[in-house]
C-alpha cells in the first residue's frame, strides 16, 4: 500500500503540472484578481475533486467486487490516458497555462462556484479517477473502497497543495517563465517523461484482480 501511495503521489504531481482547465483558470484568476481570489476559486476546485472521488470510489468497489475482469481493461485505459497526457505535455505548439486570460472581477460566492464548475464540467476529471486509481489498488488486500479513498485523498492533497503554490506565485512565475522560455520547455519534457514512464509500467503490468471476501 505504501508503494501505491508513493506512486500515485508522483503521478499526481506530474498530472497537476500538466496544463489543464483548472490550472489555466486558477492562474488567470490569480493574475487578474489577486491571490485571495485564486485561493477562493481553489476551494471550489477542491470540492469538485472530492465529489468525483467519492462517486468513483463507490463505483470501483462495485466493479472489483462483481466484474474482476474489468481490472485489466481499466489498467490499459489508464495507461493510454497517461500516454495521452504525456504527449500533450511535450507536443510542439501546446498552449501554456502560464499565459493568463483576462477575466472579469467577481465576488467570493461567484469565485467559489466558478472554481467548482470548472472542475465538475471537465470530463477529464472523471476519466482521471476511473483510470488512475485502479493502477495502484491491490484487490488481493481487500477493502477496495478504503484503498480507493486513501489513494484518492493523496491525489487531492498533492493537487491542492501544488495548485495553492501556483496561485500564490502565479504572477511572478508567469513573468519569470516569459523571460526564460527554456525553463518552460524543461518542465514540459520532465512532466511528459514521468507520465510516459508510468504509462509503460502500467501497460506491461500483468497482475490480475483477486478480490478477497
N, C-alpha and C. Protein backbone atom coordinates (compact mmCIF):
# COMPACT_ATOMS: atom_id res chain seq x y z
N UNK A 1 0.83 -1.21 0.00
CA UNK A 1 0.00 0.00 0.00
C UNK A 1 0.86 1.25 0.00
N UNK A 2 1.99 1.18 0.73
CA UNK A 2 2.88 2.34 0.77
C UNK A 2 3.41 2.67 -0.61
N UNK A 3 3.79 1.62 -1.37
CA UNK A 3 4.29 1.84 -2.73
C UNK A 3 3.22 2.49 -3.59
N UNK A 4 1.97 2.07 -3.39
CA UNK A 4 0.87 2.66 -4.15
C UNK A 4 0.68 4.13 -3.83
N UNK A 5 0.79 4.48 -2.57
CA UNK A 5 0.63 5.88 -2.15
C UNK A 5 1.74 6.75 -2.74
N UNK A 6 2.98 6.22 -2.73
CA UNK A 6 4.10 6.97 -3.30
C UNK A 6 3.92 7.09 -4.82
N UNK A 7 3.49 6.00 -5.44
CA UNK A 7 3.30 6.01 -6.88
C UNK A 7 2.26 7.00 -7.33
N UNK A 8 1.11 7.02 -6.65
CA UNK A 8 0.05 7.93 -7.06
C UNK A 8 0.44 9.37 -6.75
N UNK A 9 1.25 9.58 -5.71
CA UNK A 9 1.71 10.94 -5.41
C UNK A 9 2.60 11.46 -6.55
N UNK A 10 3.48 10.60 -7.07
CA UNK A 10 4.36 11.01 -8.16
C UNK A 10 3.58 11.27 -9.45
N UNK A 11 2.63 10.36 -9.75
CA UNK A 11 1.82 10.55 -10.96
C UNK A 11 0.97 11.81 -10.82
N UNK A 12 0.40 12.03 -9.64
CA UNK A 12 -0.43 13.21 -9.41
C UNK A 12 0.38 14.48 -9.58
N UNK A 13 1.63 14.45 -9.14
CA UNK A 13 2.49 15.62 -9.29
C UNK A 13 2.71 15.91 -10.77
N UNK A 14 2.99 14.86 -11.54
CA UNK A 14 3.17 15.07 -12.98
C UNK A 14 1.91 15.58 -13.64
N UNK A 15 0.75 15.07 -13.22
CA UNK A 15 -0.50 15.47 -13.84
C UNK A 15 -0.88 16.90 -13.48
N UNK A 16 -0.66 17.29 -12.23
CA UNK A 16 -1.07 18.64 -11.83
C UNK A 16 -0.17 19.69 -12.48
N UNK A 17 1.04 19.29 -12.88
CA UNK A 17 1.93 20.22 -13.56
C UNK A 17 1.69 20.27 -15.06
N UNK A 18 0.76 19.43 -15.54
CA UNK A 18 0.36 19.46 -16.95
C UNK A 18 -0.80 20.43 -17.10
N UNK A 19 -0.66 21.48 -17.91
CA UNK A 19 -1.72 22.48 -18.03
C UNK A 19 -3.07 21.89 -18.39
N UNK A 20 -4.11 22.31 -17.67
CA UNK A 20 -5.47 21.90 -17.94
C UNK A 20 -6.42 23.02 -17.56
N UNK A 21 -7.74 22.81 -17.70
CA UNK A 21 -8.71 23.87 -17.41
C UNK A 21 -8.58 24.43 -15.99
N UNK A 22 -8.37 23.56 -15.00
CA UNK A 22 -8.28 24.05 -13.62
C UNK A 22 -7.08 24.98 -13.44
N UNK A 23 -5.90 24.54 -13.92
CA UNK A 23 -4.71 25.36 -13.76
C UNK A 23 -4.83 26.68 -14.51
N UNK A 24 -5.34 26.60 -15.73
CA UNK A 24 -5.48 27.82 -16.54
C UNK A 24 -6.42 28.81 -15.85
N UNK A 25 -7.54 28.29 -15.32
CA UNK A 25 -8.49 29.18 -14.65
C UNK A 25 -7.88 29.79 -13.38
N UNK A 26 -7.22 28.96 -12.56
CA UNK A 26 -6.67 29.45 -11.30
C UNK A 26 -5.59 30.49 -11.53
N UNK A 27 -4.72 30.26 -12.51
CA UNK A 27 -3.66 31.23 -12.80
C UNK A 27 -4.26 32.53 -13.33
N UNK A 28 -5.21 32.40 -14.26
CA UNK A 28 -5.84 33.59 -14.83
C UNK A 28 -6.56 34.39 -13.75
N UNK A 29 -7.26 33.69 -12.86
CA UNK A 29 -7.98 34.38 -11.79
C UNK A 29 -7.02 35.06 -10.84
N UNK A 30 -5.93 34.38 -10.49
CA UNK A 30 -4.96 34.94 -9.54
C UNK A 30 -4.26 36.16 -10.12
N UNK A 31 -3.89 36.09 -11.40
CA UNK A 31 -3.21 37.22 -12.03
C UNK A 31 -4.17 38.40 -12.18
N UNK A 32 -5.43 38.10 -12.52
CA UNK A 32 -6.42 39.16 -12.75
C UNK A 32 -6.89 39.81 -11.47
N UNK A 33 -7.14 38.97 -10.43
CA UNK A 33 -7.84 39.48 -9.24
C UNK A 33 -7.08 39.28 -7.94
N UNK A 34 -5.92 38.66 -7.96
CA UNK A 34 -5.12 38.52 -6.75
C UNK A 34 -5.14 37.12 -6.15
N UNK A 35 -4.23 36.90 -5.20
CA UNK A 35 -4.05 35.59 -4.60
C UNK A 35 -5.29 35.12 -3.83
N UNK A 36 -5.91 36.03 -3.07
CA UNK A 36 -7.07 35.65 -2.27
C UNK A 36 -8.17 35.09 -3.17
N UNK A 37 -8.42 35.73 -4.29
CA UNK A 37 -9.45 35.25 -5.21
C UNK A 37 -9.07 33.90 -5.80
N UNK A 38 -7.78 33.72 -6.08
CA UNK A 38 -7.33 32.43 -6.59
C UNK A 38 -7.54 31.32 -5.59
N UNK A 39 -7.28 31.60 -4.31
CA UNK A 39 -7.45 30.58 -3.27
C UNK A 39 -8.93 30.26 -3.05
N UNK A 40 -9.81 31.28 -3.12
CA UNK A 40 -11.24 31.02 -3.01
C UNK A 40 -11.70 30.13 -4.16
N UNK A 41 -11.22 30.41 -5.36
CA UNK A 41 -11.56 29.57 -6.51
C UNK A 41 -11.05 28.16 -6.31
N UNK A 42 -9.88 28.02 -5.69
CA UNK A 42 -9.29 26.70 -5.46
C UNK A 42 -10.15 25.86 -4.52
N UNK A 43 -10.84 26.49 -3.56
CA UNK A 43 -11.71 25.71 -2.68
C UNK A 43 -12.85 25.08 -3.47
N UNK A 44 -13.34 25.78 -4.50
CA UNK A 44 -14.37 25.20 -5.36
C UNK A 44 -13.82 24.02 -6.15
N UNK A 45 -12.60 24.15 -6.67
CA UNK A 45 -11.95 23.06 -7.39
C UNK A 45 -11.77 21.85 -6.47
N UNK A 46 -11.36 22.12 -5.23
CA UNK A 46 -11.17 21.05 -4.25
C UNK A 46 -12.47 20.28 -4.02
N UNK A 47 -13.58 21.00 -3.88
CA UNK A 47 -14.86 20.34 -3.67
C UNK A 47 -15.25 19.50 -4.89
N UNK A 48 -14.95 20.00 -6.08
CA UNK A 48 -15.23 19.24 -7.29
C UNK A 48 -14.45 17.94 -7.34
N UNK A 49 -13.16 17.98 -6.99
CA UNK A 49 -12.35 16.77 -6.93
C UNK A 49 -12.92 15.78 -5.92
N UNK A 50 -13.35 16.30 -4.76
CA UNK A 50 -13.88 15.43 -3.72
C UNK A 50 -15.16 14.73 -4.18
N UNK A 51 -16.02 15.46 -4.87
CA UNK A 51 -17.27 14.86 -5.38
C UNK A 51 -16.97 13.76 -6.39
N UNK A 52 -16.06 14.02 -7.30
CA UNK A 52 -15.68 13.00 -8.29
C UNK A 52 -15.05 11.79 -7.61
N UNK A 53 -14.19 12.04 -6.63
CA UNK A 53 -13.52 10.94 -5.93
C UNK A 53 -14.52 10.03 -5.23
N UNK A 54 -15.47 10.62 -4.52
CA UNK A 54 -16.46 9.83 -3.79
C UNK A 54 -17.26 8.94 -4.73
N UNK A 55 -17.74 9.53 -5.83
CA UNK A 55 -18.53 8.75 -6.78
C UNK A 55 -17.69 7.65 -7.42
N UNK A 56 -16.44 7.95 -7.76
CA UNK A 56 -15.59 6.97 -8.41
C UNK A 56 -15.25 5.81 -7.48
N UNK A 57 -14.94 6.13 -6.21
CA UNK A 57 -14.58 5.06 -5.26
C UNK A 57 -15.73 4.09 -5.06
N UNK A 58 -16.93 4.59 -4.96
CA UNK A 58 -18.09 3.70 -4.81
C UNK A 58 -18.28 2.84 -6.05
N UNK A 59 -18.06 3.42 -7.21
CA UNK A 59 -18.20 2.66 -8.45
C UNK A 59 -17.11 1.62 -8.60
N UNK A 60 -15.85 1.96 -8.25
CA UNK A 60 -14.77 1.00 -8.37
C UNK A 60 -14.96 -0.18 -7.44
N UNK A 61 -15.51 0.08 -6.25
CA UNK A 61 -15.77 -1.01 -5.33
C UNK A 61 -16.70 -2.04 -5.95
N UNK A 62 -17.75 -1.55 -6.61
CA UNK A 62 -18.70 -2.45 -7.26
C UNK A 62 -18.04 -3.19 -8.43
N UNK A 63 -17.22 -2.48 -9.20
CA UNK A 63 -16.55 -3.11 -10.35
C UNK A 63 -15.64 -4.24 -9.90
N UNK A 64 -14.80 -3.99 -8.90
CA UNK A 64 -13.87 -5.01 -8.45
C UNK A 64 -14.59 -6.18 -7.79
N UNK A 65 -15.72 -5.91 -7.17
CA UNK A 65 -16.46 -6.97 -6.49
C UNK A 65 -17.20 -7.87 -7.46
N UNK A 66 -17.76 -7.30 -8.52
CA UNK A 66 -18.66 -8.07 -9.40
C UNK A 66 -18.11 -8.30 -10.80
N UNK A 67 -17.14 -7.50 -11.23
CA UNK A 67 -16.58 -7.68 -12.58
C UNK A 67 -15.05 -7.59 -12.49
N UNK A 68 -14.39 -8.58 -11.86
CA UNK A 68 -12.93 -8.50 -11.70
C UNK A 68 -12.20 -8.40 -13.03
N UNK A 69 -12.77 -8.94 -14.10
CA UNK A 69 -12.10 -8.88 -15.41
C UNK A 69 -11.93 -7.45 -15.89
N UNK A 70 -12.76 -6.54 -15.40
CA UNK A 70 -12.67 -5.14 -15.81
C UNK A 70 -11.39 -4.48 -15.31
N UNK A 71 -10.74 -5.13 -14.34
CA UNK A 71 -9.50 -4.59 -13.78
C UNK A 71 -8.45 -4.36 -14.86
N UNK A 72 -8.26 -5.37 -15.72
CA UNK A 72 -7.27 -5.26 -16.80
C UNK A 72 -7.64 -4.15 -17.77
N UNK A 73 -8.91 -4.07 -18.12
CA UNK A 73 -9.36 -3.03 -19.04
C UNK A 73 -9.12 -1.64 -18.49
N UNK A 74 -9.39 -1.46 -17.20
CA UNK A 74 -9.17 -0.15 -16.59
C UNK A 74 -7.69 0.20 -16.54
N UNK A 75 -6.85 -0.80 -16.29
CA UNK A 75 -5.40 -0.54 -16.24
C UNK A 75 -4.90 -0.10 -17.62
N UNK A 76 -5.36 -0.78 -18.67
CA UNK A 76 -4.93 -0.40 -20.02
C UNK A 76 -5.46 0.98 -20.40
N UNK A 77 -6.70 1.26 -20.01
CA UNK A 77 -7.28 2.58 -20.29
C UNK A 77 -6.50 3.66 -19.55
N UNK A 78 -6.09 3.37 -18.32
CA UNK A 78 -5.31 4.33 -17.55
C UNK A 78 -3.95 4.58 -18.17
N UNK A 79 -3.31 3.51 -18.66
CA UNK A 79 -2.02 3.66 -19.31
C UNK A 79 -2.15 4.52 -20.57
N UNK A 80 -3.20 4.28 -21.35
CA UNK A 80 -3.43 5.06 -22.57
C UNK A 80 -3.68 6.53 -22.23
N UNK A 81 -4.42 6.77 -21.15
CA UNK A 81 -4.71 8.15 -20.74
C UNK A 81 -3.44 8.88 -20.32
N UNK A 82 -2.56 8.20 -19.58
CA UNK A 82 -1.32 8.83 -19.16
C UNK A 82 -0.41 9.10 -20.36
N UNK A 83 -0.41 8.19 -21.34
CA UNK A 83 0.36 8.43 -22.56
C UNK A 83 -0.16 9.66 -23.30
N UNK A 84 -1.48 9.81 -23.32
CA UNK A 84 -2.08 10.98 -23.97
C UNK A 84 -1.66 12.26 -23.26
N UNK A 85 -1.67 12.23 -21.92
CA UNK A 85 -1.24 13.40 -21.15
C UNK A 85 0.24 13.69 -21.40
N UNK A 86 1.05 12.62 -21.49
CA UNK A 86 2.48 12.80 -21.74
C UNK A 86 2.71 13.47 -23.09
N UNK A 87 1.96 13.04 -24.11
CA UNK A 87 2.09 13.64 -25.44
C UNK A 87 1.69 15.11 -25.41
N UNK A 88 0.59 15.41 -24.72
CA UNK A 88 0.14 16.80 -24.64
C UNK A 88 1.15 17.69 -23.91
N UNK A 89 1.93 17.07 -23.02
CA UNK A 89 2.93 17.85 -22.29
C UNK A 89 4.12 18.21 -23.16
N UNK A 90 4.47 17.33 -24.12
CA UNK A 90 5.69 17.56 -24.90
C UNK A 90 5.45 18.00 -26.34
N UNK A 91 4.22 17.88 -26.82
CA UNK A 91 3.98 18.19 -28.23
C UNK A 91 4.25 19.67 -28.51
N UNK A 92 4.77 19.99 -29.69
CA UNK A 92 5.06 21.39 -30.03
C UNK A 92 3.77 22.19 -30.24
N UNK A 93 3.84 23.43 -29.89
CA UNK A 93 2.70 24.32 -30.14
C UNK A 93 1.61 24.25 -29.10
N UNK A 94 1.83 23.50 -28.01
CA UNK A 94 0.80 23.41 -26.97
C UNK A 94 0.65 24.73 -26.22
N UNK A 95 -0.57 24.99 -25.75
CA UNK A 95 -0.82 26.24 -25.02
C UNK A 95 -0.27 26.14 -23.60
N UNK A 96 0.36 27.17 -23.16
CA UNK A 96 0.87 27.21 -21.80
C UNK A 96 -0.17 27.79 -20.85
N UNK A 97 -0.33 27.12 -19.70
CA UNK A 97 -1.26 27.64 -18.70
C UNK A 97 -0.75 28.94 -18.10
N UNK A 98 0.53 29.22 -18.30
CA UNK A 98 1.12 30.42 -17.73
C UNK A 98 1.01 31.62 -18.65
N UNK A 99 0.08 31.53 -19.59
CA UNK A 99 -0.30 32.68 -20.41
C UNK A 99 -1.72 33.05 -20.01
N UNK A 100 -1.89 33.79 -18.91
CA UNK A 100 -3.20 34.02 -18.32
C UNK A 100 -4.16 34.76 -19.23
N UNK A 101 -5.44 34.47 -19.05
CA UNK A 101 -6.50 35.14 -19.78
C UNK A 101 -7.10 36.25 -18.91
N UNK A 102 -7.64 37.25 -19.56
CA UNK A 102 -8.30 38.32 -18.82
C UNK A 102 -9.67 37.85 -18.37
N UNK A 103 -9.97 38.02 -17.08
CA UNK A 103 -11.26 37.60 -16.53
C UNK A 103 -11.90 38.77 -15.81
N UNK A 104 -13.24 38.85 -15.80
CA UNK A 104 -13.92 39.92 -15.05
C UNK A 104 -13.78 39.71 -13.55
N UNK A 105 -13.80 40.80 -12.80
CA UNK A 105 -13.71 40.73 -11.34
C UNK A 105 -15.02 40.19 -10.78
N UNK A 106 -14.94 39.20 -9.87
CA UNK A 106 -16.12 38.56 -9.30
C UNK A 106 -16.04 38.54 -7.78
N UNK A 107 -17.19 38.36 -7.10
CA UNK A 107 -17.25 38.26 -5.66
C UNK A 107 -16.90 36.86 -5.19
N UNK A 108 -16.73 36.67 -3.86
CA UNK A 108 -16.32 35.37 -3.31
C UNK A 108 -17.25 34.21 -3.71
N UNK A 109 -18.57 34.44 -3.63
CA UNK A 109 -19.51 33.37 -3.98
C UNK A 109 -19.36 32.92 -5.43
N UNK A 110 -19.21 33.88 -6.31
CA UNK A 110 -19.05 33.56 -7.74
C UNK A 110 -17.71 32.90 -7.99
N UNK A 111 -16.68 33.34 -7.26
CA UNK A 111 -15.37 32.73 -7.43
C UNK A 111 -15.41 31.25 -7.04
N UNK A 112 -16.05 30.96 -5.91
CA UNK A 112 -16.16 29.57 -5.45
C UNK A 112 -16.93 28.72 -6.45
N UNK A 113 -18.08 29.23 -6.89
CA UNK A 113 -18.93 28.45 -7.80
C UNK A 113 -18.25 28.25 -9.15
N UNK A 114 -17.52 29.24 -9.62
CA UNK A 114 -16.83 29.10 -10.89
C UNK A 114 -15.69 28.08 -10.79
N UNK A 115 -14.99 28.07 -9.66
CA UNK A 115 -13.96 27.06 -9.45
C UNK A 115 -14.55 25.66 -9.42
N UNK A 116 -15.70 25.53 -8.74
CA UNK A 116 -16.39 24.23 -8.67
C UNK A 116 -16.84 23.78 -10.05
N UNK A 117 -17.47 24.67 -10.80
CA UNK A 117 -17.98 24.31 -12.12
C UNK A 117 -16.84 24.01 -13.10
N UNK A 118 -15.75 24.75 -12.98
CA UNK A 118 -14.60 24.48 -13.85
C UNK A 118 -14.12 23.05 -13.67
N UNK A 119 -14.16 22.58 -12.42
CA UNK A 119 -13.74 21.22 -12.12
C UNK A 119 -14.80 20.20 -12.55
N UNK A 120 -16.06 20.43 -12.18
CA UNK A 120 -17.12 19.47 -12.46
C UNK A 120 -17.42 19.33 -13.95
N UNK A 121 -17.25 20.41 -14.71
CA UNK A 121 -17.57 20.38 -16.13
C UNK A 121 -16.38 19.93 -16.98
N UNK A 122 -15.32 19.51 -16.33
CA UNK A 122 -14.16 18.99 -17.05
C UNK A 122 -14.25 17.46 -17.08
N UNK A 123 -14.67 16.86 -18.19
CA UNK A 123 -14.86 15.41 -18.23
C UNK A 123 -13.57 14.63 -17.99
N UNK A 124 -12.42 15.27 -18.17
CA UNK A 124 -11.16 14.56 -17.95
C UNK A 124 -10.99 14.17 -16.48
N UNK A 125 -11.66 14.89 -15.57
CA UNK A 125 -11.51 14.56 -14.15
C UNK A 125 -12.11 13.19 -13.87
N UNK A 126 -13.29 12.91 -14.43
CA UNK A 126 -13.90 11.60 -14.24
C UNK A 126 -13.02 10.50 -14.83
N UNK A 127 -12.47 10.75 -16.02
CA UNK A 127 -11.59 9.77 -16.65
C UNK A 127 -10.34 9.58 -15.80
N UNK A 128 -9.84 10.66 -15.24
CA UNK A 128 -8.64 10.61 -14.42
C UNK A 128 -8.82 9.62 -13.26
N UNK A 129 -9.88 9.79 -12.50
CA UNK A 129 -10.08 8.92 -11.34
C UNK A 129 -10.38 7.49 -11.76
N UNK A 130 -11.23 7.34 -12.75
CA UNK A 130 -11.63 5.99 -13.16
C UNK A 130 -10.47 5.20 -13.72
N UNK A 131 -9.53 5.88 -14.39
CA UNK A 131 -8.41 5.17 -15.00
C UNK A 131 -7.17 5.16 -14.11
N UNK A 132 -7.02 6.14 -13.22
CA UNK A 132 -5.80 6.25 -12.43
C UNK A 132 -5.84 5.40 -11.17
N UNK A 133 -6.91 5.46 -10.42
CA UNK A 133 -6.96 4.76 -9.15
C UNK A 133 -6.71 3.25 -9.26
N UNK A 134 -7.31 2.56 -10.26
CA UNK A 134 -7.09 1.11 -10.32
C UNK A 134 -5.64 0.71 -10.51
N UNK A 135 -4.81 1.62 -11.02
CA UNK A 135 -3.40 1.28 -11.24
C UNK A 135 -2.69 0.98 -9.93
N UNK A 136 -3.17 1.53 -8.83
CA UNK A 136 -2.46 1.42 -7.56
C UNK A 136 -3.25 0.64 -6.51
N UNK A 137 -4.38 0.08 -6.90
CA UNK A 137 -5.17 -0.72 -5.97
C UNK A 137 -4.72 -2.18 -6.05
N UNK A 138 -4.57 -2.81 -4.92
CA UNK A 138 -4.25 -4.24 -4.87
C UNK A 138 -5.49 -4.98 -4.37
N UNK A 139 -6.31 -5.51 -5.27
CA UNK A 139 -7.56 -6.15 -4.86
C UNK A 139 -7.36 -7.33 -3.92
N UNK A 140 -6.18 -7.98 -3.97
CA UNK A 140 -5.94 -9.12 -3.10
C UNK A 140 -5.87 -8.72 -1.63
N UNK A 141 -5.66 -7.42 -1.37
CA UNK A 141 -5.62 -6.94 0.00
C UNK A 141 -7.00 -6.66 0.56
N UNK A 142 -8.02 -6.71 -0.33
CA UNK A 142 -9.38 -6.40 0.12
C UNK A 142 -9.57 -4.93 0.37
N UNK A 143 -10.73 -4.56 0.93
CA UNK A 143 -11.01 -3.16 1.29
C UNK A 143 -10.76 -2.21 0.11
N UNK A 144 -11.30 -2.55 -1.05
CA UNK A 144 -11.08 -1.74 -2.24
C UNK A 144 -11.55 -0.30 -2.01
N UNK A 145 -12.68 -0.13 -1.33
CA UNK A 145 -13.19 1.22 -1.08
C UNK A 145 -12.21 2.04 -0.26
N UNK A 146 -11.67 1.43 0.82
CA UNK A 146 -10.73 2.16 1.67
C UNK A 146 -9.44 2.48 0.91
N UNK A 147 -8.96 1.51 0.11
CA UNK A 147 -7.78 1.77 -0.70
C UNK A 147 -8.02 2.92 -1.67
N UNK A 148 -9.19 2.90 -2.32
CA UNK A 148 -9.53 3.95 -3.28
C UNK A 148 -9.57 5.31 -2.61
N UNK A 149 -10.20 5.38 -1.45
CA UNK A 149 -10.31 6.65 -0.74
C UNK A 149 -8.94 7.16 -0.30
N UNK A 150 -8.08 6.24 0.19
CA UNK A 150 -6.75 6.65 0.63
C UNK A 150 -5.93 7.17 -0.55
N UNK A 151 -5.94 6.43 -1.65
CA UNK A 151 -5.18 6.85 -2.83
C UNK A 151 -5.72 8.15 -3.40
N UNK A 152 -7.05 8.25 -3.48
CA UNK A 152 -7.66 9.46 -4.00
C UNK A 152 -7.37 10.68 -3.12
N UNK A 153 -7.31 10.45 -1.81
CA UNK A 153 -7.01 11.55 -0.90
C UNK A 153 -5.60 12.07 -1.11
N UNK A 154 -4.67 11.16 -1.41
CA UNK A 154 -3.30 11.58 -1.70
C UNK A 154 -3.28 12.42 -2.97
N UNK A 155 -4.02 11.97 -3.99
CA UNK A 155 -4.07 12.72 -5.24
C UNK A 155 -4.63 14.13 -5.01
N UNK A 156 -5.71 14.22 -4.24
CA UNK A 156 -6.32 15.52 -3.97
C UNK A 156 -5.36 16.41 -3.17
N UNK A 157 -4.67 15.81 -2.18
CA UNK A 157 -3.74 16.58 -1.36
C UNK A 157 -2.61 17.15 -2.20
N UNK A 158 -2.04 16.31 -3.08
CA UNK A 158 -0.95 16.78 -3.95
C UNK A 158 -1.46 17.86 -4.90
N UNK A 159 -2.61 17.60 -5.53
CA UNK A 159 -3.16 18.57 -6.47
C UNK A 159 -3.49 19.89 -5.81
N UNK A 160 -4.09 19.85 -4.61
CA UNK A 160 -4.48 21.08 -3.92
C UNK A 160 -3.25 21.87 -3.48
N UNK A 161 -2.25 21.16 -2.93
CA UNK A 161 -1.04 21.84 -2.46
C UNK A 161 -0.30 22.51 -3.62
N UNK A 162 -0.12 21.78 -4.72
CA UNK A 162 0.61 22.34 -5.86
C UNK A 162 -0.17 23.51 -6.46
N UNK A 163 -1.49 23.34 -6.59
CA UNK A 163 -2.29 24.44 -7.14
C UNK A 163 -2.26 25.66 -6.23
N UNK A 164 -2.24 25.44 -4.91
CA UNK A 164 -2.16 26.56 -3.98
C UNK A 164 -0.83 27.31 -4.16
N UNK A 165 0.26 26.57 -4.32
CA UNK A 165 1.55 27.20 -4.56
C UNK A 165 1.55 27.97 -5.88
N UNK A 166 0.89 27.40 -6.89
CA UNK A 166 0.80 28.08 -8.20
C UNK A 166 0.00 29.37 -8.07
N UNK A 167 -1.11 29.31 -7.32
CA UNK A 167 -1.93 30.51 -7.10
C UNK A 167 -1.11 31.60 -6.41
N UNK A 168 -0.35 31.22 -5.38
CA UNK A 168 0.41 32.20 -4.61
C UNK A 168 1.56 32.82 -5.40
N UNK A 169 2.04 32.09 -6.39
CA UNK A 169 3.19 32.59 -7.15
C UNK A 169 2.85 32.85 -8.62
N UNK A 170 1.57 32.87 -8.96
CA UNK A 170 1.14 32.93 -10.36
C UNK A 170 1.76 34.11 -11.11
N UNK A 171 1.65 35.31 -10.54
CA UNK A 171 2.13 36.49 -11.24
C UNK A 171 3.63 36.45 -11.48
N UNK A 172 4.41 36.20 -10.42
CA UNK A 172 5.86 36.20 -10.56
C UNK A 172 6.34 35.01 -11.38
N UNK A 173 5.66 33.86 -11.26
CA UNK A 173 6.05 32.68 -12.02
C UNK A 173 5.81 32.88 -13.51
N UNK A 174 4.67 33.46 -13.85
CA UNK A 174 4.37 33.72 -15.25
C UNK A 174 5.40 34.68 -15.85
N UNK A 175 5.73 35.74 -15.12
CA UNK A 175 6.71 36.71 -15.61
C UNK A 175 8.09 36.06 -15.77
N UNK A 176 8.45 35.21 -14.81
CA UNK A 176 9.75 34.53 -14.86
C UNK A 176 9.87 33.65 -16.10
N UNK A 177 8.82 32.86 -16.38
CA UNK A 177 8.88 31.93 -17.49
C UNK A 177 8.76 32.63 -18.84
N UNK A 178 8.08 33.76 -18.87
CA UNK A 178 8.01 34.52 -20.13
C UNK A 178 9.41 34.98 -20.53
N UNK A 179 10.22 35.34 -19.52
CA UNK A 179 11.58 35.79 -19.79
C UNK A 179 12.54 34.62 -20.03
N UNK A 180 12.16 33.43 -19.57
CA UNK A 180 13.04 32.26 -19.69
C UNK A 180 12.25 31.07 -20.25
N UNK A 181 11.92 31.08 -21.53
CA UNK A 181 11.12 30.01 -22.12
C UNK A 181 11.76 28.64 -22.03
N UNK A 182 13.09 28.58 -21.89
CA UNK A 182 13.77 27.28 -21.80
C UNK A 182 13.30 26.51 -20.57
N UNK A 183 13.03 27.22 -19.47
CA UNK A 183 12.55 26.57 -18.26
C UNK A 183 11.20 25.92 -18.48
N UNK A 184 10.35 26.58 -19.26
CA UNK A 184 9.03 26.03 -19.54
C UNK A 184 9.14 24.75 -20.37
N UNK A 185 10.09 24.73 -21.30
CA UNK A 185 10.31 23.52 -22.10
C UNK A 185 10.81 22.37 -21.22
N UNK A 186 11.72 22.68 -20.30
CA UNK A 186 12.23 21.66 -19.39
C UNK A 186 11.09 21.07 -18.56
N UNK A 187 10.22 21.94 -18.02
CA UNK A 187 9.08 21.47 -17.23
C UNK A 187 8.19 20.55 -18.05
N UNK A 188 7.93 20.90 -19.30
CA UNK A 188 7.07 20.08 -20.15
C UNK A 188 7.67 18.71 -20.40
N UNK A 189 8.99 18.67 -20.69
CA UNK A 189 9.62 17.40 -21.01
C UNK A 189 9.79 16.50 -19.78
N UNK A 190 10.07 17.10 -18.63
CA UNK A 190 10.15 16.31 -17.40
C UNK A 190 8.78 15.71 -17.07
N UNK A 191 7.73 16.54 -17.18
CA UNK A 191 6.38 16.05 -16.92
C UNK A 191 6.01 14.93 -17.88
N UNK A 192 6.28 15.13 -19.17
CA UNK A 192 5.96 14.11 -20.15
C UNK A 192 6.71 12.81 -19.90
N UNK A 193 7.97 12.91 -19.50
CA UNK A 193 8.76 11.72 -19.22
C UNK A 193 8.21 10.93 -18.04
N UNK A 194 7.86 11.64 -16.97
CA UNK A 194 7.30 10.97 -15.78
C UNK A 194 6.00 10.25 -16.12
N UNK A 195 5.09 10.95 -16.79
CA UNK A 195 3.81 10.35 -17.13
C UNK A 195 3.97 9.20 -18.11
N UNK A 196 4.82 9.37 -19.11
CA UNK A 196 5.04 8.31 -20.08
C UNK A 196 5.65 7.08 -19.46
N UNK A 197 6.58 7.25 -18.52
CA UNK A 197 7.21 6.12 -17.85
C UNK A 197 6.20 5.31 -17.05
N UNK A 198 5.34 6.02 -16.32
CA UNK A 198 4.31 5.32 -15.56
C UNK A 198 3.33 4.60 -16.49
N UNK A 199 3.03 5.19 -17.64
CA UNK A 199 2.12 4.56 -18.59
C UNK A 199 2.68 3.24 -19.09
N UNK A 200 3.97 3.22 -19.39
CA UNK A 200 4.60 1.98 -19.86
C UNK A 200 4.60 0.92 -18.77
N UNK A 201 4.92 1.32 -17.55
CA UNK A 201 4.93 0.38 -16.43
C UNK A 201 3.55 -0.22 -16.22
N UNK A 202 2.51 0.62 -16.28
CA UNK A 202 1.15 0.14 -16.07
C UNK A 202 0.70 -0.78 -17.20
N UNK A 203 1.06 -0.43 -18.44
CA UNK A 203 0.62 -1.23 -19.58
C UNK A 203 1.26 -2.60 -19.59
N UNK A 204 2.47 -2.73 -19.03
CA UNK A 204 3.17 -4.01 -19.04
C UNK A 204 2.96 -4.81 -17.76
N UNK A 205 2.24 -4.25 -16.81
CA UNK A 205 1.94 -4.96 -15.57
C UNK A 205 0.94 -6.08 -15.83
N UNK A 206 1.28 -7.32 -15.48
CA UNK A 206 0.42 -8.47 -15.76
C UNK A 206 -0.37 -8.93 -14.54
N UNK A 207 -0.38 -8.15 -13.47
CA UNK A 207 -1.14 -8.57 -12.28
C UNK A 207 -2.64 -8.58 -12.57
N UNK A 208 -3.34 -9.44 -11.89
CA UNK A 208 -4.78 -9.58 -12.11
C UNK A 208 -5.52 -9.28 -10.81
N UNK A 209 -6.77 -8.93 -10.96
CA UNK A 209 -7.59 -8.64 -9.79
C UNK A 209 -7.97 -9.93 -9.07
N UNK A 210 -7.73 -9.96 -7.76
CA UNK A 210 -8.18 -11.09 -6.94
C UNK A 210 -8.86 -10.49 -5.74
N UNK A 211 -10.17 -10.54 -5.72
CA UNK A 211 -10.94 -9.88 -4.67
C UNK A 211 -11.15 -10.84 -3.53
N UNK A 212 -10.74 -10.44 -2.34
CA UNK A 212 -10.93 -11.27 -1.16
C UNK A 212 -12.25 -10.93 -0.52
N UNK A 213 -12.88 -11.88 0.15
CA UNK A 213 -14.17 -11.59 0.79
C UNK A 213 -14.01 -10.62 1.95
